C-alpha cells in the first residue's frame, strides 16, 4: 500500500473517503449535521497528518520554509515522530 498512497491524488482520495465515512456513520447514527461536519473535518485532518509523517511527504527543506519549522522539527525528532 505504501507506494500507491505516496501520490498526492491517492492521499487526497484516502482523506476524502475517511472523512466521508465518518460523516456517513454519524448521519446513520442521526447526530446533528453540524457535529457530523466537524467530526468529518477532524478525521480528515488526523488522516492527513498521519499520512504526511508515515509516507515522508514532508522534507527538511519544507520545514525550513515554515515559520518556526526548526523548533517543530526538533520537537518531532525528540518525540520520535520524525527522523
PDB file of N, CA and C in Angstrom:
ATOM      1  N   UNK A   1       0.823  -1.194   0.000  1.00  0.00           N
ATOM      2  CA  UNK A   1       0.000   0.000   0.000  1.00  0.00           C
ATOM      3  C   UNK A   1       0.865   1.254   0.000  1.00  0.00           C
ATOM      4  N   UNK A   2       2.086   1.173   0.496  1.00  0.00           N
ATOM      5  CA  UNK A   2       2.944   2.339   0.640  1.00  0.00           C
ATOM      6  C   UNK A   2       3.169   3.099  -0.647  1.00  0.00           C
ATOM      7  N   UNK A   3       3.529   2.410  -1.734  1.00  0.00           N
ATOM      8  CA  UNK A   3       3.823   3.090  -2.993  1.00  0.00           C
ATOM      9  C   UNK A   3       2.573   3.701  -3.597  1.00  0.00           C
ATOM     10  N   UNK A   4       1.435   3.064  -3.423  1.00  0.00           N
ATOM     11  CA  UNK A   4       0.192   3.574  -4.017  1.00  0.00           C
ATOM     12  C   UNK A   4      -0.291   4.832  -3.317  1.00  0.00           C
ATOM     13  N   UNK A   5      -0.009   4.973  -2.031  1.00  0.00           N
ATOM     14  CA  UNK A   5      -0.536   6.104  -1.266  1.00  0.00           C
ATOM     15  C   UNK A   5       0.405   7.300  -1.305  1.00  0.00           C
ATOM     16  N   UNK A   6       1.562   7.160  -1.899  1.00  0.00           N
ATOM     17  CA  UNK A   6       2.511   8.272  -1.954  1.00  0.00           C
ATOM     18  C   UNK A   6       2.057   9.375  -2.902  1.00  0.00           C
ATOM     19  N   UNK A   7       1.249   9.053  -3.862  1.00  0.00           N
ATOM     20  CA  UNK A   7       0.771  10.049  -4.810  1.00  0.00           C
ATOM     21  C   UNK A   7      -0.177  11.014  -4.106  1.00  0.00           C
ATOM     22  N   UNK A   8      -0.048  12.324  -4.359  1.00  0.00           N
ATOM     23  CA  UNK A   8      -0.954  13.286  -3.740  1.00  0.00           C
ATOM     24  C   UNK A   8      -2.424  13.006  -4.053  1.00  0.00           C
ATOM     25  N   UNK A   9      -2.708  12.524  -5.246  1.00  0.00           N
ATOM     26  CA  UNK A   9      -4.093  12.210  -5.605  1.00  0.00           C
ATOM     27  C   UNK A   9      -4.613  11.060  -4.748  1.00  0.00           C
ATOM     28  N   UNK A  10      -3.801  10.032  -4.571  1.00  0.00           N
ATOM     29  CA  UNK A  10      -4.227   8.903  -3.750  1.00  0.00           C
ATOM     30  C   UNK A  10      -4.404   9.318  -2.291  1.00  0.00           C
ATOM     31  N   UNK A  11      -3.520  10.173  -1.808  1.00  0.00           N
ATOM     32  CA  UNK A  11      -3.653  10.640  -0.433  1.00  0.00           C
ATOM     33  C   UNK A  11      -4.929  11.448  -0.262  1.00  0.00           C
ATOM     34  N   UNK A  12      -5.234  12.307  -1.236  1.00  0.00           N
ATOM     35  CA  UNK A  12      -6.452  13.110  -1.164  1.00  0.00           C
ATOM     36  C   UNK A  12      -7.691  12.220  -1.192  1.00  0.00           C
ATOM     37  N   UNK A  13      -7.682  11.214  -2.040  1.00  0.00           N
ATOM     38  CA  UNK A  13      -8.823  10.300  -2.107  1.00  0.00           C
ATOM     39  C   UNK A  13      -9.003   9.544  -0.798  1.00  0.00           C
ATOM     40  N   UNK A  14      -7.901   9.118  -0.183  1.00  0.00           N
ATOM     41  CA  UNK A  14      -7.987   8.411   1.090  1.00  0.00           C
ATOM     42  C   UNK A  14      -8.551   9.321   2.176  1.00  0.00           C
ATOM     43  N   UNK A  15      -8.091  10.578   2.218  1.00  0.00           N
ATOM     44  CA  UNK A  15      -8.629  11.529   3.198  1.00  0.00           C
ATOM     45  C   UNK A  15     -10.112  11.767   2.967  1.00  0.00           C
ATOM     46  N   UNK A  16     -10.513  11.865   1.701  1.00  0.00           N
ATOM     47  CA  UNK A  16     -11.915  12.097   1.365  1.00  0.00           C
ATOM     48  C   UNK A  16     -12.762  10.902   1.792  1.00  0.00           C
ATOM     49  N   UNK A  17     -12.261   9.703   1.550  1.00  0.00           N
ATOM     50  CA  UNK A  17     -13.011   8.505   1.932  1.00  0.00           C
ATOM     51  C   UNK A  17     -13.173   8.395   3.444  1.00  0.00           C
ATOM     52  N   UNK A  18     -12.116   8.690   4.192  1.00  0.00           N
ATOM     53  CA  UNK A  18     -12.207   8.619   5.651  1.00  0.00           C
ATOM     54  C   UNK A  18     -13.162   9.686   6.172  1.00  0.00           C
ATOM     55  N   UNK A  19     -13.013  10.918   5.697  1.00  0.00           N
ATOM     56  CA  UNK A  19     -13.906  11.993   6.135  1.00  0.00           C
ATOM     57  C   UNK A  19     -15.352  11.711   5.763  1.00  0.00           C
ATOM     58  N   UNK A  20     -15.570  11.240   4.547  1.00  0.00           N
ATOM     59  CA  UNK A  20     -16.921  10.901   4.106  1.00  0.00           C
ATOM     60  C   UNK A  20     -17.493   9.736   4.890  1.00  0.00           C
ATOM     61  N   UNK A  21     -16.641   8.767   5.208  1.00  0.00           N
ATOM     62  CA  UNK A  21     -17.093   7.630   6.010  1.00  0.00           C
ATOM     63  C   UNK A  21     -17.510   8.043   7.402  1.00  0.00           C
ATOM     64  N   UNK A  22     -16.744   8.936   8.019  1.00  0.00           N
ATOM     65  CA  UNK A  22     -17.108   9.438   9.352  1.00  0.00           C
ATOM     66  C   UNK A  22     -18.423  10.201   9.272  1.00  0.00           C
ATOM     67  N   UNK A  23     -18.566  11.042   8.261  1.00  0.00           N
ATOM     68  CA  UNK A  23     -19.795  11.821   8.105  1.00  0.00           C
ATOM     69  C   UNK A  23     -20.992  10.890   7.902  1.00  0.00           C
ATOM     70  N   UNK A  24     -20.829   9.886   7.061  1.00  0.00           N
ATOM     71  CA  UNK A  24     -21.912   8.941   6.793  1.00  0.00           C
ATOM     72  C   UNK A  24     -22.275   8.158   8.049  1.00  0.00           C
ATOM     73  N   UNK A  25     -21.263   7.719   8.803  1.00  0.00           N
ATOM     74  CA  UNK A  25     -21.527   6.974  10.034  1.00  0.00           C
ATOM     75  C   UNK A  25     -22.292   7.833  11.041  1.00  0.00           C
ATOM     76  N   UNK A  26     -21.912   9.095  11.150  1.00  0.00           N
ATOM     77  CA  UNK A  26     -22.616   9.977  12.081  1.00  0.00           C
ATOM     78  C   UNK A  26     -24.042  10.274  11.605  1.00  0.00           C
ATOM     79  N   UNK A  27     -24.242  10.330  10.299  1.00  0.00           N
ATOM     80  CA  UNK A  27     -25.573  10.555   9.755  1.00  0.00           C
ATOM     81  C   UNK A  27     -26.467   9.356  10.052  1.00  0.00           C
ATOM     82  N   UNK A  28     -25.915   8.168   9.909  1.00  0.00           N
ATOM     83  CA  UNK A  28     -26.678   6.954  10.207  1.00  0.00           C
ATOM     84  C   UNK A  28     -27.053   6.930  11.684  1.00  0.00           C
ATOM     85  N   UNK A  29     -26.152   7.410  12.540  1.00  0.00           N
ATOM     86  CA  UNK A  29     -26.440   7.468  13.978  1.00  0.00           C
ATOM     87  C   UNK A  29     -27.359   8.633  14.328  1.00  0.00           C
ATOM     88  N   UNK A  30     -27.756   9.410  13.314  1.00  0.00           N
ATOM     89  CA  UNK A  30     -28.715  10.507  13.448  1.00  0.00           C
ATOM     90  C   UNK A  30     -28.229  11.600  14.402  1.00  0.00           C
ATOM     91  N   UNK A  31     -26.984  11.991  14.246  1.00  0.00           N
ATOM     92  CA  UNK A  31     -26.452  13.090  15.038  1.00  0.00           C
ATOM     93  C   UNK A  31     -26.683  14.392  14.284  1.00  0.00           C
ATOM     94  N   UNK A  32     -26.459  15.503  14.942  1.00  0.00           N
ATOM     95  CA  UNK A  32     -26.663  16.814  14.322  1.00  0.00           C
ATOM     96  C   UNK A  32     -25.697  16.993  13.149  1.00  0.00           C
ATOM     97  N   UNK A  33     -26.156  17.656  12.090  1.00  0.00           N
ATOM     98  CA  UNK A  33     -25.327  17.822  10.895  1.00  0.00           C
ATOM     99  C   UNK A  33     -24.074  18.637  11.180  1.00  0.00           C
ATOM    100  N   UNK A  34     -24.179  19.629  12.028  1.00  0.00           N
ATOM    101  CA  UNK A  34     -23.003  20.442  12.354  1.00  0.00           C
ATOM    102  C   UNK A  34     -21.931  19.575  13.017  1.00  0.00           C
ATOM    103  N   UNK A  35     -22.339  18.730  13.929  1.00  0.00           N
ATOM    104  CA  UNK A  35     -21.403  17.838  14.607  1.00  0.00           C
ATOM    105  C   UNK A  35     -20.801  16.848  13.608  1.00  0.00           C
ATOM    106  N   UNK A  36     -21.619  16.338  12.683  1.00  0.00           N
ATOM    107  CA  UNK A  36     -21.114  15.423  11.654  1.00  0.00           C
ATOM    108  C   UNK A  36     -20.007  16.078  10.848  1.00  0.00           C
ATOM    109  N   UNK A  37     -20.239  17.308  10.435  1.00  0.00           N
ATOM    110  CA  UNK A  37     -19.259  18.020   9.623  1.00  0.00           C
ATOM    111  C   UNK A  37     -17.967  18.238  10.397  1.00  0.00           C
ATOM    112  N   UNK A  38     -18.081  18.660  11.636  1.00  0.00           N
ATOM    113  CA  UNK A  38     -16.895  18.903  12.462  1.00  0.00           C
ATOM    114  C   UNK A  38     -16.100  17.617  12.657  1.00  0.00           C
ATOM    115  N   UNK A  39     -16.786  16.508  12.964  1.00  0.00           N
ATOM    116  CA  UNK A  39     -16.095  15.239  13.155  1.00  0.00           C
ATOM    117  C   UNK A  39     -15.435  14.754  11.868  1.00  0.00           C
ATOM    118  N   UNK A  40     -16.110  14.938  10.731  1.00  0.00           N
ATOM    119  CA  UNK A  40     -15.533  14.531   9.448  1.00  0.00           C
ATOM    120  C   UNK A  40     -14.289  15.352   9.121  1.00  0.00           C
ATOM    121  N   UNK A  41     -14.331  16.646   9.386  1.00  0.00           N
ATOM    122  CA  UNK A  41     -13.169  17.506   9.131  1.00  0.00           C
ATOM    123  C   UNK A  41     -12.021  17.118  10.053  1.00  0.00           C
ATOM    124  N   UNK A  42     -12.302  16.870  11.311  1.00  0.00           N
ATOM    125  CA  UNK A  42     -11.251  16.453  12.245  1.00  0.00           C
ATOM    126  C   UNK A  42     -10.646  15.111  11.846  1.00  0.00           C
ATOM    127  N   UNK A  43     -11.471  14.184  11.390  1.00  0.00           N
ATOM    128  CA  UNK A  43     -10.957  12.889  10.921  1.00  0.00           C
ATOM    129  C   UNK A  43     -10.063  13.089   9.701  1.00  0.00           C
ATOM    130  N   UNK A  44     -10.459  13.974   8.796  1.00  0.00           N
ATOM    131  CA  UNK A  44      -9.636  14.262   7.619  1.00  0.00           C
ATOM    132  C   UNK A  44      -8.298  14.869   7.989  1.00  0.00           C
ATOM    133  N   UNK A  45      -8.301  15.771   8.953  1.00  0.00           N
ATOM    134  CA  UNK A  45      -7.058  16.389   9.419  1.00  0.00           C
ATOM    135  C   UNK A  45      -6.144  15.334  10.045  1.00  0.00           C
ATOM    136  N   UNK A  46      -6.720  14.475  10.859  1.00  0.00           N
ATOM    137  CA  UNK A  46      -5.933  13.421  11.501  1.00  0.00           C
ATOM    138  C   UNK A  46      -5.317  12.490  10.460  1.00  0.00           C
ATOM    139  N   UNK A  47      -6.094  12.081   9.473  1.00  0.00           N
ATOM    140  CA  UNK A  47      -5.575  11.212   8.412  1.00  0.00           C
ATOM    141  C   UNK A  47      -4.471  11.930   7.646  1.00  0.00           C
ATOM    142  N   UNK A  48      -4.662  13.209   7.360  1.00  0.00           N
ATOM    143  CA  UNK A  48      -3.658  13.985   6.631  1.00  0.00           C
ATOM    144  C   UNK A  48      -2.336  14.006   7.389  1.00  0.00           C
ATOM    145  N   UNK A  49      -2.388  14.302   8.677  1.00  0.00           N
ATOM    146  CA  UNK A  49      -1.166  14.376   9.487  1.00  0.00           C
ATOM    147  C   UNK A  49      -0.476  13.018   9.545  1.00  0.00           C
ATOM    148  N   UNK A  50      -1.233  11.964   9.738  1.00  0.00           N
ATOM    149  CA  UNK A  50      -0.650  10.625   9.789  1.00  0.00           C
ATOM    150  C   UNK A  50       0.010  10.281   8.457  1.00  0.00           C
ATOM    151  N   UNK A  51      -0.658  10.575   7.344  1.00  0.00           N
ATOM    152  CA  UNK A  51      -0.092  10.258   6.033  1.00  0.00           C
ATOM    153  C   UNK A  51       1.160  11.080   5.736  1.00  0.00           C
ATOM    154  N   UNK A  52       1.166  12.331   6.151  1.00  0.00           N
ATOM    155  CA  UNK A  52       2.343  13.180   5.916  1.00  0.00           C
ATOM    156  C   UNK A  52       3.575  12.580   6.571  1.00  0.00           C
ATOM    157  N   UNK A  53       3.441  12.140   7.819  1.00  0.00           N
ATOM    158  CA  UNK A  53       4.594  11.598   8.523  1.00  0.00           C
ATOM    159  C   UNK A  53       4.855  10.145   8.164  1.00  0.00           C
ATOM    160  N   UNK A  54       3.826   9.371   7.917  1.00  0.00           N
ATOM    161  CA  UNK A  54       4.008   7.947   7.618  1.00  0.00           C
ATOM    162  C   UNK A  54       4.698   7.721   6.277  1.00  0.00           C
ATOM    163  N   UNK A  55       4.425   8.576   5.304  1.00  0.00           N
ATOM    164  CA  UNK A  55       4.964   8.364   3.970  1.00  0.00           C
ATOM    165  C   UNK A  55       6.015   9.387   3.575  1.00  0.00           C
ATOM    166  N   UNK A  56       6.484  10.171   4.528  1.00  0.00           N
ATOM    167  CA  UNK A  56       7.586  11.090   4.271  1.00  0.00           C
ATOM    168  C   UNK A  56       7.276  12.183   3.267  1.00  0.00           C
ATOM    169  N   UNK A  57       6.068  12.697   3.291  1.00  0.00           N
ATOM    170  CA  UNK A  57       5.688  13.742   2.347  1.00  0.00           C
ATOM    171  C   UNK A  57       6.306  15.090   2.708  1.00  0.00           C
ATOM    172  N   UNK A  58       6.752  15.243   3.948  1.00  0.00           N
ATOM    173  CA  UNK A  58       7.334  16.490   4.419  1.00  0.00           C
ATOM    174  C   UNK A  58       8.840  16.300   4.554  1.00  0.00           C
ATOM    175  N   UNK A  59       9.603  17.143   3.880  1.00  0.00           N
ATOM    176  CA  UNK A  59      11.062  17.048   3.912  1.00  0.00           C
ATOM    177  C   UNK A  59      11.642  18.141   4.808  1.00  0.00           C
ATOM    178  N   UNK A  60      12.911  18.008   5.119  1.00  0.00           N
ATOM    179  CA  UNK A  60      13.575  19.022   5.951  1.00  0.00           C
ATOM    180  C   UNK A  60      13.560  20.391   5.276  1.00  0.00           C
ATOM    181  N   UNK A  61      13.701  20.409   3.953  1.00  0.00           N
ATOM    182  CA  UNK A  61      13.664  21.684   3.222  1.00  0.00           C
ATOM    183  C   UNK A  61      12.301  22.351   3.372  1.00  0.00           C
ATOM    184  N   UNK A  62      11.252  21.551   3.427  1.00  0.00           N
ATOM    185  CA  UNK A  62       9.906  22.096   3.621  1.00  0.00           C
ATOM    186  C   UNK A  62       9.773  22.701   5.015  1.00  0.00           C
ATOM    187  N   UNK A  63      10.348  22.028   6.003  1.00  0.00           N
ATOM    188  CA  UNK A  63      10.267  22.523   7.382  1.00  0.00           C
ATOM    189  C   UNK A  63      11.000  23.848   7.535  1.00  0.00           C
ATOM    190  N   UNK A  64      12.060  24.051   6.767  1.00  0.00           N
ATOM    191  CA  UNK A  64      12.802  25.305   6.849  1.00  0.00           C
ATOM    192  C   UNK A  64      11.971  26.477   6.339  1.00  0.00           C
ATOM    193  N   UNK A  65      11.027  26.210   5.455  1.00  0.00           N
ATOM    194  CA  UNK A  65      10.188  27.268   4.883  1.00  0.00           C
ATOM    195  C   UNK A  65       9.042  27.672   5.814  1.00  0.00           C
ATOM    196  N   UNK A  66       8.707  26.814   6.776  1.00  0.00           N
ATOM    197  CA  UNK A  66       7.610  27.079   7.705  1.00  0.00           C
ATOM    198  C   UNK A  66       8.140  27.946   8.849  1.00  0.00           C
ATOM    199  N   UNK A  67       7.441  29.026   9.196  1.00  0.00           N
ATOM    200  CA  UNK A  67       7.873  29.811  10.365  1.00  0.00           C
ATOM    201  C   UNK A  67       7.864  28.929  11.625  1.00  0.00           C
ATOM    202  N   UNK A  68       8.965  28.885  12.308  1.00  0.00           N
ATOM    203  CA  UNK A  68       9.082  28.030  13.489  1.00  0.00           C
ATOM    204  C   UNK A  68       9.312  26.572  13.137  1.00  0.00           C
ATOM    205  N   UNK A  69       9.613  26.293  11.893  1.00  0.00           N
ATOM    206  CA  UNK A  69       9.792  24.923  11.435  1.00  0.00           C
ATOM    207  C   UNK A  69      10.963  24.215  12.087  1.00  0.00           C
ATOM    208  N   UNK A  70      12.045  24.948  12.364  1.00  0.00           N
ATOM    209  CA  UNK A  70      13.202  24.326  13.009  1.00  0.00           C
ATOM    210  C   UNK A  70      12.866  23.846  14.410  1.00  0.00           C
ATOM    211  N   UNK A  71      12.111  24.643  15.152  1.00  0.00           N
ATOM    212  CA  UNK A  71      11.696  24.234  16.503  1.00  0.00           C
ATOM    213  C   UNK A  71      10.751  23.043  16.425  1.00  0.00           C
ATOM    214  N   UNK A  72       9.831  23.083  15.472  1.00  0.00           N
ATOM    215  CA  UNK A  72       8.895  21.979  15.298  1.00  0.00           C
ATOM    216  C   UNK A  72       9.639  20.704  14.902  1.00  0.00           C
ATOM    217  N   UNK A  73      10.638  20.839  14.040  1.00  0.00           N
ATOM    218  CA  UNK A  73      11.437  19.686  13.619  1.00  0.00           C
ATOM    219  C   UNK A  73      12.152  19.060  14.811  1.00  0.00           C
ATOM    220  N   UNK A  74      12.774  19.895  15.652  1.00  0.00           N
ATOM    221  CA  UNK A  74      13.469  19.376  16.836  1.00  0.00           C
ATOM    222  C   UNK A  74      12.497  18.654  17.770  1.00  0.00           C
ATOM    223  N   UNK A  75      11.295  19.220  17.936  1.00  0.00           N
ATOM    224  CA  UNK A  75      10.295  18.602  18.800  1.00  0.00           C
ATOM    225  C   UNK A  75       9.861  17.241  18.248  1.00  0.00           C
ATOM    226  N   UNK A  76       9.608  17.176  16.942  1.00  0.00           N
ATOM    227  CA  UNK A  76       9.170  15.924  16.328  1.00  0.00           C
ATOM    228  C   UNK A  76      10.261  14.852  16.397  1.00  0.00           C
ATOM    229  N   UNK A  77      11.511  15.269  16.244  1.00  0.00           N
ATOM    230  CA  UNK A  77      12.622  14.298  16.362  1.00  0.00           C
ATOM    231  C   UNK A  77      12.735  13.811  17.801  1.00  0.00           C
ATOM    232  N   UNK A  78      12.572  14.726  18.739  1.00  0.00           N
ATOM    233  CA  UNK A  78      12.666  14.357  20.157  1.00  0.00           C
ATOM    234  C   UNK A  78      11.548  13.402  20.547  1.00  0.00           C
ATOM    235  N   UNK A  79      10.361  13.571  19.973  1.00  0.00           N
ATOM    236  CA  UNK A  79       9.227  12.694  20.256  1.00  0.00           C
ATOM    237  C   UNK A  79       9.253  11.407  19.439  1.00  0.00           C
ATOM    238  N   UNK A  80      10.294  11.248  18.609  1.00  0.00           N
ATOM    239  CA  UNK A  80      10.463  10.069  17.752  1.00  0.00           C
ATOM    240  C   UNK A  80       9.318   9.916  16.738  1.00  0.00           C
ATOM    241  N   UNK A  81       8.768  11.041  16.303  1.00  0.00           N
ATOM    242  CA  UNK A  81       7.726  11.029  15.289  1.00  0.00           C
ATOM    243  C   UNK A  81       8.349  11.172  13.911  1.00  0.00           C
ATOM    244  N   UNK A  82       9.494  11.852  13.874  1.00  0.00           N
ATOM    245  CA  UNK A  82      10.153  12.149  12.591  1.00  0.00           C
ATOM    246  C   UNK A  82      11.647  11.920  12.754  1.00  0.00           C
ATOM    247  N   UNK A  83      12.278  11.439  11.690  1.00  0.00           N
ATOM    248  CA  UNK A  83      13.732  11.173  11.760  1.00  0.00           C
ATOM    249  C   UNK A  83      14.509  12.330  11.215  1.00  0.00           C
TER     250      UNK A  83
END
